[in-house]
């Protein structure tokens, strides 16, 4: 049965994963395992549901925009903390995160809809270490969390007719 609902949708991926995979398969698999472990250890604290994982990309939905942003910040912090504890630069990695508030259709563990597509496109334009959010997310969390957002360069997103306003999370750590 299909359920239609409003959700905070988050896509996250390891930056430049395809390049890492092409040059060093063992390193890529090791980083993927570390990333998955970090993500899955943080997720329960934020009431999120991991809907899908494809390679290095994770699709997570939340019933709250605040929970989605807090999860993204904690995941970025976990990756940064991990990187600080590893002296070999080859063992370090960065992530890219996109978050959007939109209508989704959920059916037996799968989600569909424009909300999912927009979120995926936002993640794709994020640079390593960046958390990018749509205007809808920024509006929901602006007065609830002590976070600074800065407007991100307007970009046409692939297969999205309307150019969304996108914000960069000011406290995201640049690697």
C-alpha atoms as a PDB file:
ATOM      1  CA  UNK A   1       0.000   0.000   0.000  1.00  0.00           C
ATOM      2  CA  UNK A   2       1.367   3.398  -0.978  1.00  0.00           C
ATOM      3  CA  UNK A   3       1.505   6.050   1.716  1.00  0.00           C
ATOM      4  CA  UNK A   4       1.921   9.716   0.841  1.00  0.00           C
ATOM      5  CA  UNK A   5       3.522  11.915   3.480  1.00  0.00           C
ATOM      6  CA  UNK A   6       5.650  14.957   4.080  1.00  0.00           C
ATOM      7  CA  UNK A   7       9.180  14.053   5.186  1.00  0.00           C
ATOM      8  CA  UNK A   8      12.617  15.502   5.691  1.00  0.00           C
ATOM      9  CA  UNK A   9      14.659  13.535   3.166  1.00  0.00           C
ATOM     10  CA  UNK A  10      18.431  13.204   3.479  1.00  0.00           C
ATOM     11  CA  UNK A  11      20.914  11.834   0.984  1.00  0.00           C
ATOM     12  CA  UNK A  12      24.512  11.277   2.061  1.00  0.00           C
ATOM     13  CA  UNK A  13      27.512   9.870   0.228  1.00  0.00           C
ATOM     14  CA  UNK A  14      31.267   9.517   0.438  1.00  0.00           C
ATOM     15  CA  UNK A  15      32.814  12.273  -1.668  1.00  0.00           C
ATOM     16  CA  UNK A  16      34.753  11.105  -4.735  1.00  0.00           C
ATOM     17  CA  UNK A  17      33.930   7.467  -3.981  1.00  0.00           C
ATOM     18  CA  UNK A  18      34.007   6.380  -7.629  1.00  0.00           C
ATOM     19  CA  UNK A  19      37.572   7.684  -7.990  1.00  0.00           C
ATOM     20  CA  UNK A  20      38.639   5.926  -4.788  1.00  0.00           C
ATOM     21  CA  UNK A  21      37.014   2.704  -5.993  1.00  0.00           C
ATOM     22  CA  UNK A  22      38.802   2.881  -9.353  1.00  0.00           C
ATOM     23  CA  UNK A  23      42.223   3.423  -7.804  1.00  0.00           C
ATOM     24  CA  UNK A  24      42.063   1.212  -4.708  1.00  0.00           C
ATOM     25  CA  UNK A  25      39.199  -1.232  -4.300  1.00  0.00           C
ATOM     26  CA  UNK A  26      40.306  -2.399  -0.828  1.00  0.00           C
ATOM     27  CA  UNK A  27      40.555   1.174   0.448  1.00  0.00           C
ATOM     28  CA  UNK A  28      37.120   1.976  -0.958  1.00  0.00           C
ATOM     29  CA  UNK A  29      35.540  -1.018   0.771  1.00  0.00           C
ATOM     30  CA  UNK A  30      37.264  -0.177   4.059  1.00  0.00           C
ATOM     31  CA  UNK A  31      36.073   3.454   3.937  1.00  0.00           C
ATOM     32  CA  UNK A  32      32.576   2.294   3.042  1.00  0.00           C
ATOM     33  CA  UNK A  33      32.473   0.009   6.090  1.00  0.00           C
ATOM     34  CA  UNK A  34      33.697   2.817   8.378  1.00  0.00           C
ATOM     35  CA  UNK A  35      31.158   5.237   6.922  1.00  0.00           C
ATOM     36  CA  UNK A  36      28.302   2.746   7.262  1.00  0.00           C
ATOM     37  CA  UNK A  37      29.270   2.042  10.862  1.00  0.00           C
ATOM     38  CA  UNK A  38      29.341   5.759  11.742  1.00  0.00           C
ATOM     39  CA  UNK A  39      26.016   6.422  10.042  1.00  0.00           C
ATOM     40  CA  UNK A  40      24.209   3.477  11.565  1.00  0.00           C
ATOM     41  CA  UNK A  41      25.546   4.195  15.058  1.00  0.00           C
ATOM     42  CA  UNK A  42      24.239   7.797  14.967  1.00  0.00           C
ATOM     43  CA  UNK A  43      20.897   7.241  13.214  1.00  0.00           C
ATOM     44  CA  UNK A  44      18.893   5.772  16.138  1.00  0.00           C
ATOM     45  CA  UNK A  45      19.463   8.937  18.199  1.00  0.00           C
ATOM     46  CA  UNK A  46      17.697  11.054  15.561  1.00  0.00           C
ATOM     47  CA  UNK A  47      14.554   9.065  14.754  1.00  0.00           C
ATOM     48  CA  UNK A  48      15.557   8.517  11.158  1.00  0.00           C
ATOM     49  CA  UNK A  49      14.861   5.549   8.944  1.00  0.00           C
ATOM     50  CA  UNK A  50      17.445   4.364   6.433  1.00  0.00           C
ATOM     51  CA  UNK A  51      15.332   3.507   3.413  1.00  0.00           C
ATOM     52  CA  UNK A  52      17.977   2.639   0.867  1.00  0.00           C
ATOM     53  CA  UNK A  53      21.709   2.354   0.422  1.00  0.00           C
ATOM     54  CA  UNK A  54      23.302   2.046  -2.966  1.00  0.00           C
ATOM     55  CA  UNK A  55      27.058   1.798  -2.922  1.00  0.00           C
ATOM     56  CA  UNK A  56      28.218   4.828  -0.969  1.00  0.00           C
ATOM     57  CA  UNK A  57      24.857   6.658  -1.054  1.00  0.00           C
ATOM     58  CA  UNK A  58      22.351   6.503   1.774  1.00  0.00           C
ATOM     59  CA  UNK A  59      18.724   7.643   1.666  1.00  0.00           C
ATOM     60  CA  UNK A  60      17.312   8.447   5.100  1.00  0.00           C
ATOM     61  CA  UNK A  61      13.912   9.922   5.956  1.00  0.00           C
ATOM     62  CA  UNK A  62      12.872  11.800   9.084  1.00  0.00           C
ATOM     63  CA  UNK A  63       9.525  13.032  10.371  1.00  0.00           C
ATOM     64  CA  UNK A  64      11.271  16.189  11.581  1.00  0.00           C
ATOM     65  CA  UNK A  65      13.463  18.675   9.711  1.00  0.00           C
ATOM     66  CA  UNK A  66      15.239  19.419  13.012  1.00  0.00           C
ATOM     67  CA  UNK A  67      16.141  15.748  13.455  1.00  0.00           C
ATOM     68  CA  UNK A  68      17.428  15.546   9.880  1.00  0.00           C
ATOM     69  CA  UNK A  69      19.712  18.565  10.303  1.00  0.00           C
ATOM     70  CA  UNK A  70      20.959  17.415  13.707  1.00  0.00           C
ATOM     71  CA  UNK A  71      21.710  13.979  12.264  1.00  0.00           C
ATOM     72  CA  UNK A  72      23.634  15.544   9.359  1.00  0.00           C
ATOM     73  CA  UNK A  73      25.689  17.668  11.756  1.00  0.00           C
ATOM     74  CA  UNK A  74      26.447  14.689  14.001  1.00  0.00           C
ATOM     75  CA  UNK A  75      27.412  12.528  11.029  1.00  0.00           C
ATOM     76  CA  UNK A  76      29.746  15.239   9.698  1.00  0.00           C
ATOM     77  CA  UNK A  77      31.257  15.606  13.176  1.00  0.00           C
ATOM     78  CA  UNK A  78      31.745  11.828  13.449  1.00  0.00           C
ATOM     79  CA  UNK A  79      33.572  11.725  10.103  1.00  0.00           C
ATOM     80  CA  UNK A  80      35.738  14.705  11.085  1.00  0.00           C
ATOM     81  CA  UNK A  81      36.558  13.115  14.442  1.00  0.00           C
ATOM     82  CA  UNK A  82      37.446   9.856  12.719  1.00  0.00           C
ATOM     83  CA  UNK A  83      39.721  11.701  10.263  1.00  0.00           C
ATOM     84  CA  UNK A  84      41.539  13.506  13.086  1.00  0.00           C
ATOM     85  CA  UNK A  85      42.332  10.130  14.650  1.00  0.00           C
ATOM     86  CA  UNK A  86      43.880   8.752  11.457  1.00  0.00           C
ATOM     87  CA  UNK A  87      47.320  10.037  10.470  1.00  0.00           C
ATOM     88  CA  UNK A  88      47.394   8.453   6.996  1.00  0.00           C
ATOM     89  CA  UNK A  89      45.517  10.807   4.607  1.00  0.00           C
ATOM     90  CA  UNK A  90      44.598   7.800   2.426  1.00  0.00           C
ATOM     91  CA  UNK A  91      42.499   6.454   5.277  1.00  0.00           C
ATOM     92  CA  UNK A  92      40.524   9.701   5.589  1.00  0.00           C
ATOM     93  CA  UNK A  93      37.375  10.616   3.687  1.00  0.00           C
ATOM     94  CA  UNK A  94      34.751  13.333   3.339  1.00  0.00           C
ATOM     95  CA  UNK A  95      31.010  13.196   2.867  1.00  0.00           C
ATOM     96  CA  UNK A  96      28.443  15.239   0.963  1.00  0.00           C
ATOM     97  CA  UNK A  97      24.928  15.683   2.353  1.00  0.00           C
ATOM     98  CA  UNK A  98      21.720  17.102   0.890  1.00  0.00           C
ATOM     99  CA  UNK A  99      18.464  17.603   2.792  1.00  0.00           C
ATOM    100  CA  UNK A 100      15.012  18.635   1.531  1.00  0.00           C
ATOM    101  CA  UNK A 101      11.502  18.734   2.948  1.00  0.00           C
ATOM    102  CA  UNK A 102       9.047  17.318   0.472  1.00  0.00           C
ATOM    103  CA  UNK A 103       6.189  15.022  -0.257  1.00  0.00           C
ATOM    104  CA  UNK A 104       7.149  11.388  -0.761  1.00  0.00           C
ATOM    105  CA  UNK A 105       5.350   8.185  -1.571  1.00  0.00           C
ATOM    106  CA  UNK A 106       6.381   5.202   0.502  1.00  0.00           C
ATOM    107  CA  UNK A 107       5.614   1.644  -0.554  1.00  0.00           C
ATOM    108  CA  UNK A 108       7.005  -1.444   1.193  1.00  0.00           C
ATOM    109  CA  UNK A 109      10.324   0.088   2.199  1.00  0.00           C
ATOM    110  CA  UNK A 110      10.834   2.154  -0.953  1.00  0.00           C
ATOM    111  CA  UNK A 111      10.280   5.874  -1.352  1.00  0.00           C
ATOM    112  CA  UNK A 112       9.539   7.826  -4.488  1.00  0.00           C
ATOM    113  CA  UNK A 113       8.578  11.284  -5.550  1.00  0.00           C
ATOM    114  CA  UNK A 114       9.830  14.746  -6.281  1.00  0.00           C
ATOM    115  CA  UNK A 115      10.999  15.187  -2.668  1.00  0.00           C
ATOM    116  CA  UNK A 116      13.436  12.307  -3.122  1.00  0.00           C
ATOM    117  CA  UNK A 117      14.618  13.532  -6.533  1.00  0.00           C
ATOM    118  CA  UNK A 118      15.278  17.081  -5.337  1.00  0.00           C
ATOM    119  CA  UNK A 119      17.205  15.803  -2.320  1.00  0.00           C
ATOM    120  CA  UNK A 120      19.406  13.589  -4.497  1.00  0.00           C
ATOM    121  CA  UNK A 121      20.203  16.526  -6.778  1.00  0.00           C
ATOM    122  CA  UNK A 122      21.056  18.777  -3.827  1.00  0.00           C
ATOM    123  CA  UNK A 123      23.480  16.147  -2.515  1.00  0.00           C
ATOM    124  CA  UNK A 124      25.080  15.869  -5.958  1.00  0.00           C
ATOM    125  CA  UNK A 125      26.094  19.544  -5.987  1.00  0.00           C
ATOM    126  CA  UNK A 126      27.470  19.477  -2.426  1.00  0.00           C
ATOM    127  CA  UNK A 127      31.246  19.706  -2.182  1.00  0.00           C
ATOM    128  CA  UNK A 128      33.206  17.364   0.139  1.00  0.00           C
ATOM    129  CA  UNK A 129      32.386  18.226   3.756  1.00  0.00           C
ATOM    130  CA  UNK A 130      29.299  20.272   2.897  1.00  0.00           C
ATOM    131  CA  UNK A 131      25.761  19.966   4.153  1.00  0.00           C
ATOM    132  CA  UNK A 132      23.330  21.633   1.749  1.00  0.00           C
ATOM    133  CA  UNK A 133      19.656  22.139   2.540  1.00  0.00           C
ATOM    134  CA  UNK A 134      16.666  23.403   0.621  1.00  0.00           C
ATOM    135  CA  UNK A 135      14.891  26.605   1.586  1.00  0.00           C
ATOM    136  CA  UNK A 136      12.088  24.474   3.020  1.00  0.00           C
ATOM    137  CA  UNK A 137      14.485  22.869   5.512  1.00  0.00           C
ATOM    138  CA  UNK A 138      16.155  26.187   6.364  1.00  0.00           C
ATOM    139  CA  UNK A 139      12.756  27.728   7.088  1.00  0.00           C
ATOM    140  CA  UNK A 140      11.809  24.856   9.416  1.00  0.00           C
ATOM    141  CA  UNK A 141      14.982  24.892  11.524  1.00  0.00           C
ATOM    142  CA  UNK A 142      16.146  28.536  11.384  1.00  0.00           C
ATOM    143  CA  UNK A 143      14.591  29.536  14.711  1.00  0.00           C
ATOM    144  CA  UNK A 144      14.864  26.136  16.378  1.00  0.00           C
ATOM    145  CA  UNK A 145      18.585  25.417  16.116  1.00  0.00           C
ATOM    146  CA  UNK A 146      21.534  27.707  16.711  1.00  0.00           C
ATOM    147  CA  UNK A 147      22.899  27.331  13.191  1.00  0.00           C
ATOM    148  CA  UNK A 148      24.070  29.823  10.623  1.00  0.00           C
ATOM    149  CA  UNK A 149      22.967  29.212   7.051  1.00  0.00           C
ATOM    150  CA  UNK A 150      24.469  30.949   4.044  1.00  0.00           C
ATOM    151  CA  UNK A 151      22.791  31.086   0.687  1.00  0.00           C
ATOM    152  CA  UNK A 152      24.417  28.726  -1.791  1.00  0.00           C
ATOM    153  CA  UNK A 153      25.011  29.481  -5.442  1.00  0.00           C
ATOM    154  CA  UNK A 154      21.800  29.097  -7.437  1.00  0.00           C
ATOM    155  CA  UNK A 155      22.095  26.114  -9.721  1.00  0.00           C
ATOM    156  CA  UNK A 156      19.736  24.355 -12.041  1.00  0.00           C
ATOM    157  CA  UNK A 157      19.341  20.825 -10.731  1.00  0.00           C
ATOM    158  CA  UNK A 158      19.244  17.955 -13.209  1.00  0.00           C
ATOM    159  CA  UNK A 159      15.648  17.032 -14.161  1.00  0.00           C
ATOM    160  CA  UNK A 160      14.166  19.586 -11.723  1.00  0.00           C
ATOM    161  CA  UNK A 161      12.183  22.317 -13.500  1.00  0.00           C
ATOM    162  CA  UNK A 162      12.112  24.907 -10.716  1.00  0.00           C
ATOM    163  CA  UNK A 163      15.470  26.155  -9.416  1.00  0.00           C
ATOM    164  CA  UNK A 164      15.306  25.740  -5.629  1.00  0.00           C
ATOM    165  CA  UNK A 165      16.897  28.112  -3.140  1.00  0.00           C
ATOM    166  CA  UNK A 166      19.691  26.193  -1.421  1.00  0.00           C
ATOM    167  CA  UNK A 167      21.570  26.967   1.765  1.00  0.00           C
ATOM    168  CA  UNK A 168      24.892  25.740   3.067  1.00  0.00           C
ATOM    169  CA  UNK A 169      24.985  24.813   6.705  1.00  0.00           C
ATOM    170  CA  UNK A 170      27.426  27.272   8.261  1.00  0.00           C
ATOM    171  CA  UNK A 171      28.694  24.952  10.952  1.00  0.00           C
ATOM    172  CA  UNK A 172      29.529  22.118   8.555  1.00  0.00           C
ATOM    173  CA  UNK A 173      33.224  21.379   8.773  1.00  0.00           C
ATOM    174  CA  UNK A 174      35.200  21.850   5.584  1.00  0.00           C
ATOM    175  CA  UNK A 175      37.842  19.167   5.075  1.00  0.00           C
END
